[in-house]
């Protein structure tokens, strides 16, 4: 079963309980797609919940993938070494390099 959630705004401690409830409602064997196009921030507590959910789904035969993250969210995931949750970019993505 494919399940899709599309959170929006800042995923911080203020929305953590609601996010957790939404993710807990997803069956363990689901293919969960999170559309992060409208997510402007993802704090460490929410990243932890996403990792726990990914592990739960994987153990049940499902999976979790995050699609369409904004650059700031993509960078936060990369810094936290959890960018394995992000959908691979087929086009090489945006050029986030800064000139030296």
N, C-alpha and C. Protein backbone atom coordinates (compact mmCIF):
# COMPACT_ATOMS: atom_id res chain seq x y z
N UNK A 1 0.83 -1.18 0.00
CA UNK A 1 0.00 0.00 0.00
C UNK A 1 0.88 1.25 0.00
N UNK A 2 0.55 2.20 -0.83
CA UNK A 2 1.28 3.47 -0.86
C UNK A 2 0.47 4.50 -0.09
N UNK A 3 1.14 5.16 0.83
CA UNK A 3 0.53 6.24 1.61
C UNK A 3 1.32 7.50 1.34
N UNK A 4 0.63 8.62 1.21
CA UNK A 4 1.28 9.90 0.97
C UNK A 4 0.82 10.91 2.00
N UNK A 5 1.77 11.61 2.59
CA UNK A 5 1.48 12.72 3.50
C UNK A 5 2.20 13.95 2.95
N UNK A 6 1.58 15.10 3.11
CA UNK A 6 2.16 16.36 2.63
C UNK A 6 2.15 17.40 3.75
N UNK A 7 3.11 17.29 4.66
CA UNK A 7 3.17 18.29 5.73
C UNK A 7 3.57 19.64 5.16
N UNK A 8 3.35 20.70 5.95
CA UNK A 8 3.73 22.04 5.47
C UNK A 8 4.23 22.88 6.64
N UNK A 9 4.93 23.94 6.28
CA UNK A 9 5.43 24.87 7.28
C UNK A 9 6.65 24.33 8.00
N UNK A 10 6.81 24.81 9.24
CA UNK A 10 7.95 24.40 10.07
C UNK A 10 7.61 23.12 10.81
N UNK A 11 8.43 22.10 10.63
CA UNK A 11 8.28 20.85 11.39
C UNK A 11 9.20 20.96 12.60
N UNK A 12 8.66 21.54 13.65
CA UNK A 12 9.43 21.76 14.86
C UNK A 12 8.72 21.12 16.04
N UNK A 13 9.16 21.42 17.24
CA UNK A 13 8.60 20.82 18.45
C UNK A 13 7.10 21.11 18.61
N UNK A 14 6.63 22.21 18.04
CA UNK A 14 5.22 22.58 18.17
C UNK A 14 4.29 21.62 17.42
N UNK A 15 4.78 21.00 16.38
CA UNK A 15 3.95 20.10 15.58
C UNK A 15 4.37 18.64 15.73
N UNK A 16 5.31 18.40 16.62
CA UNK A 16 5.88 17.06 16.76
C UNK A 16 4.82 16.00 17.09
N UNK A 17 3.94 16.28 18.04
CA UNK A 17 2.92 15.29 18.43
C UNK A 17 1.97 14.97 17.28
N UNK A 18 1.57 15.99 16.54
CA UNK A 18 0.67 15.77 15.40
C UNK A 18 1.37 14.97 14.31
N UNK A 19 2.63 15.30 14.04
CA UNK A 19 3.40 14.55 13.04
C UNK A 19 3.55 13.10 13.47
N UNK A 20 3.88 12.89 14.73
CA UNK A 20 4.04 11.53 15.27
C UNK A 20 2.74 10.73 15.11
N UNK A 21 1.62 11.36 15.43
CA UNK A 21 0.32 10.68 15.31
C UNK A 21 0.03 10.30 13.85
N UNK A 22 0.30 11.22 12.93
CA UNK A 22 0.08 10.94 11.51
C UNK A 22 0.95 9.77 11.04
N UNK A 23 2.21 9.77 11.46
CA UNK A 23 3.13 8.71 11.05
C UNK A 23 2.79 7.38 11.70
N UNK A 24 2.36 7.41 12.96
CA UNK A 24 1.99 6.17 13.66
C UNK A 24 0.77 5.51 13.04
N UNK A 25 -0.06 6.28 12.35
CA UNK A 25 -1.27 5.74 11.73
C UNK A 25 -0.97 4.97 10.44
N UNK A 26 0.25 5.06 9.95
CA UNK A 26 0.64 4.39 8.72
C UNK A 26 0.99 2.93 9.03
N UNK A 27 0.42 2.01 8.29
CA UNK A 27 0.69 0.58 8.49
C UNK A 27 2.17 0.27 8.24
N UNK A 28 2.68 -0.71 8.99
CA UNK A 28 4.10 -1.05 8.94
C UNK A 28 4.58 -1.50 7.57
N UNK A 29 3.70 -2.07 6.77
CA UNK A 29 4.13 -2.56 5.46
C UNK A 29 3.87 -1.56 4.33
N UNK A 30 3.59 -0.32 4.68
CA UNK A 30 3.28 0.72 3.69
C UNK A 30 4.54 1.28 3.04
N UNK A 31 4.34 1.77 1.83
CA UNK A 31 5.36 2.56 1.14
C UNK A 31 4.95 4.01 1.38
N UNK A 32 5.59 4.66 2.33
CA UNK A 32 5.20 6.01 2.72
C UNK A 32 6.00 7.03 1.93
N UNK A 33 5.30 7.93 1.26
CA UNK A 33 5.91 9.03 0.53
C UNK A 33 5.52 10.32 1.24
N UNK A 34 6.52 11.06 1.68
CA UNK A 34 6.30 12.36 2.31
C UNK A 34 6.67 13.43 1.31
N UNK A 35 5.70 14.24 0.93
CA UNK A 35 5.95 15.35 0.01
C UNK A 35 6.31 16.57 0.85
N UNK A 36 7.56 16.95 0.82
CA UNK A 36 8.08 18.05 1.64
C UNK A 36 8.15 19.37 0.88
N UNK A 37 7.44 19.49 -0.24
CA UNK A 37 7.50 20.71 -1.05
C UNK A 37 7.14 21.95 -0.24
N UNK A 38 6.23 21.83 0.71
CA UNK A 38 5.78 22.98 1.49
C UNK A 38 6.40 23.05 2.88
N UNK A 39 7.39 22.19 3.16
CA UNK A 39 8.07 22.21 4.45
C UNK A 39 9.20 23.22 4.40
N UNK A 40 9.18 24.18 5.32
CA UNK A 40 10.18 25.25 5.33
C UNK A 40 11.29 25.04 6.35
N UNK A 41 11.10 24.09 7.28
CA UNK A 41 12.10 23.80 8.32
C UNK A 41 11.78 22.42 8.87
N UNK A 42 12.83 21.67 9.19
CA UNK A 42 12.64 20.37 9.82
C UNK A 42 13.66 20.25 10.95
N UNK A 43 13.18 20.37 12.18
CA UNK A 43 14.05 20.32 13.35
C UNK A 43 14.52 18.91 13.68
N UNK A 44 15.49 18.84 14.56
CA UNK A 44 16.11 17.56 14.90
C UNK A 44 15.13 16.58 15.53
N UNK A 45 14.19 17.06 16.33
CA UNK A 45 13.21 16.16 16.95
C UNK A 45 12.33 15.51 15.87
N UNK A 46 11.97 16.27 14.87
CA UNK A 46 11.16 15.72 13.78
C UNK A 46 11.98 14.77 12.91
N UNK A 47 13.25 15.09 12.72
CA UNK A 47 14.12 14.19 11.96
C UNK A 47 14.22 12.85 12.70
N UNK A 48 14.33 12.91 14.03
CA UNK A 48 14.39 11.67 14.83
C UNK A 48 13.13 10.84 14.61
N UNK A 49 11.96 11.48 14.63
CA UNK A 49 10.69 10.78 14.41
C UNK A 49 10.66 10.16 13.02
N UNK A 50 11.18 10.87 12.03
CA UNK A 50 11.21 10.33 10.67
C UNK A 50 12.12 9.11 10.58
N UNK A 51 13.26 9.14 11.26
CA UNK A 51 14.18 8.00 11.26
C UNK A 51 13.51 6.81 11.96
N UNK A 52 12.87 7.05 13.10
CA UNK A 52 12.18 5.96 13.80
C UNK A 52 11.09 5.35 12.94
N UNK A 53 10.36 6.21 12.23
CA UNK A 53 9.30 5.72 11.34
C UNK A 53 9.89 4.92 10.19
N UNK A 54 10.96 5.41 9.60
CA UNK A 54 11.62 4.69 8.50
C UNK A 54 12.08 3.31 8.97
N UNK A 55 12.64 3.23 10.16
CA UNK A 55 13.10 1.95 10.70
C UNK A 55 11.92 1.00 10.94
N UNK A 56 10.82 1.53 11.49
CA UNK A 56 9.63 0.72 11.74
C UNK A 56 9.06 0.18 10.43
N UNK A 57 8.96 1.05 9.43
CA UNK A 57 8.41 0.62 8.15
C UNK A 57 9.32 -0.42 7.48
N UNK A 58 10.63 -0.17 7.53
CA UNK A 58 11.57 -1.10 6.93
C UNK A 58 11.45 -2.49 7.57
N UNK A 59 11.33 -2.51 8.90
CA UNK A 59 11.20 -3.78 9.62
C UNK A 59 9.91 -4.52 9.25
N UNK A 60 8.88 -3.77 8.87
CA UNK A 60 7.60 -4.37 8.48
C UNK A 60 7.47 -4.63 7.00
N UNK A 61 8.53 -4.39 6.24
CA UNK A 61 8.50 -4.62 4.80
C UNK A 61 8.10 -3.40 4.00
N UNK A 62 7.96 -2.25 4.65
CA UNK A 62 7.60 -1.01 3.97
C UNK A 62 8.82 -0.13 3.74
N UNK A 63 8.56 1.14 3.46
CA UNK A 63 9.65 2.08 3.24
C UNK A 63 9.14 3.50 3.44
N UNK A 64 10.07 4.42 3.58
CA UNK A 64 9.76 5.84 3.69
C UNK A 64 10.69 6.59 2.76
N UNK A 65 10.12 7.49 1.99
CA UNK A 65 10.91 8.35 1.11
C UNK A 65 10.37 9.76 1.22
N UNK A 66 11.28 10.72 1.23
CA UNK A 66 10.89 12.13 1.29
C UNK A 66 11.14 12.73 -0.08
N UNK A 67 10.10 13.32 -0.64
CA UNK A 67 10.17 13.91 -1.98
C UNK A 67 10.08 15.44 -1.89
N UNK A 68 10.69 16.10 -2.83
CA UNK A 68 10.58 17.54 -3.04
C UNK A 68 11.01 18.42 -1.87
N UNK A 69 12.06 18.05 -1.14
CA UNK A 69 12.47 18.93 -0.04
C UNK A 69 13.08 20.22 -0.57
N UNK A 70 12.81 21.32 0.12
CA UNK A 70 13.44 22.58 -0.22
C UNK A 70 14.93 22.49 0.14
N UNK A 71 15.71 23.37 -0.44
CA UNK A 71 17.16 23.33 -0.26
C UNK A 71 17.56 23.38 1.21
N UNK A 72 16.91 24.22 2.01
CA UNK A 72 17.28 24.35 3.42
C UNK A 72 17.02 23.04 4.16
N UNK A 73 15.95 22.34 3.82
CA UNK A 73 15.64 21.05 4.45
C UNK A 73 16.64 20.00 3.97
N UNK A 74 16.94 20.00 2.68
CA UNK A 74 17.92 19.05 2.12
C UNK A 74 19.27 19.22 2.82
N UNK A 75 19.68 20.45 3.05
CA UNK A 75 20.96 20.70 3.72
C UNK A 75 20.94 20.19 5.16
N UNK A 76 19.83 20.41 5.87
CA UNK A 76 19.72 19.93 7.25
C UNK A 76 19.85 18.41 7.30
N UNK A 77 19.23 17.73 6.35
CA UNK A 77 19.32 16.28 6.30
C UNK A 77 20.75 15.84 5.97
N UNK A 78 21.42 16.55 5.08
CA UNK A 78 22.79 16.21 4.72
C UNK A 78 23.74 16.42 5.91
N UNK A 79 23.59 17.53 6.61
CA UNK A 79 24.44 17.81 7.77
C UNK A 79 24.23 16.75 8.85
N UNK A 80 22.99 16.32 9.02
CA UNK A 80 22.68 15.30 10.01
C UNK A 80 22.96 13.89 9.54
N UNK A 81 23.47 13.75 8.33
CA UNK A 81 23.80 12.45 7.73
C UNK A 81 22.57 11.54 7.64
N UNK A 82 21.41 12.14 7.40
CA UNK A 82 20.18 11.36 7.23
C UNK A 82 19.57 11.60 5.86
N UNK A 83 20.39 12.04 4.92
CA UNK A 83 19.89 12.31 3.59
C UNK A 83 19.53 11.03 2.83
N UNK A 84 19.81 9.86 3.43
CA UNK A 84 19.37 8.60 2.83
C UNK A 84 17.84 8.52 2.79
N UNK A 85 17.16 9.36 3.58
CA UNK A 85 15.70 9.39 3.57
C UNK A 85 15.14 10.16 2.38
N UNK A 86 15.98 10.95 1.73
CA UNK A 86 15.52 11.79 0.63
C UNK A 86 15.50 11.01 -0.67
N UNK A 87 14.53 11.33 -1.50
CA UNK A 87 14.46 10.73 -2.82
C UNK A 87 15.71 11.11 -3.60
N UNK A 88 16.36 10.15 -4.23
CA UNK A 88 17.53 10.50 -5.05
C UNK A 88 17.13 11.46 -6.15
N UNK A 89 17.99 12.42 -6.40
CA UNK A 89 17.71 13.42 -7.44
C UNK A 89 18.18 12.88 -8.78
N UNK A 90 17.25 12.77 -9.69
CA UNK A 90 17.58 12.22 -10.99
C UNK A 90 18.29 13.22 -11.89
N UNK A 91 18.06 14.51 -11.63
CA UNK A 91 18.64 15.53 -12.50
C UNK A 91 19.90 16.16 -11.91
N UNK A 92 20.38 15.62 -10.80
CA UNK A 92 21.56 16.20 -10.17
C UNK A 92 21.22 17.30 -9.19
N UNK A 93 19.97 17.73 -9.13
CA UNK A 93 19.53 18.72 -8.14
C UNK A 93 20.05 20.11 -8.41
N UNK A 94 19.79 21.00 -7.43
CA UNK A 94 20.27 22.38 -7.58
C UNK A 94 21.74 22.43 -7.24
N UNK A 95 22.38 23.38 -7.79
CA UNK A 95 23.79 23.60 -7.51
C UNK A 95 23.88 24.46 -6.26
N UNK A 96 24.15 23.81 -5.13
CA UNK A 96 24.24 24.53 -3.86
C UNK A 96 25.66 24.97 -3.55
N UNK A 97 26.55 24.85 -4.50
CA UNK A 97 27.94 25.20 -4.22
C UNK A 97 28.09 26.71 -4.10
N UNK A 98 29.04 27.09 -3.29
CA UNK A 98 29.36 28.50 -3.16
C UNK A 98 30.74 28.73 -3.71
N UNK A 99 30.96 29.84 -4.35
CA UNK A 99 32.29 30.10 -4.91
C UNK A 99 33.33 30.23 -3.80
N UNK A 100 34.52 29.76 -4.10
CA UNK A 100 35.62 29.86 -3.11
C UNK A 100 36.29 31.20 -3.17
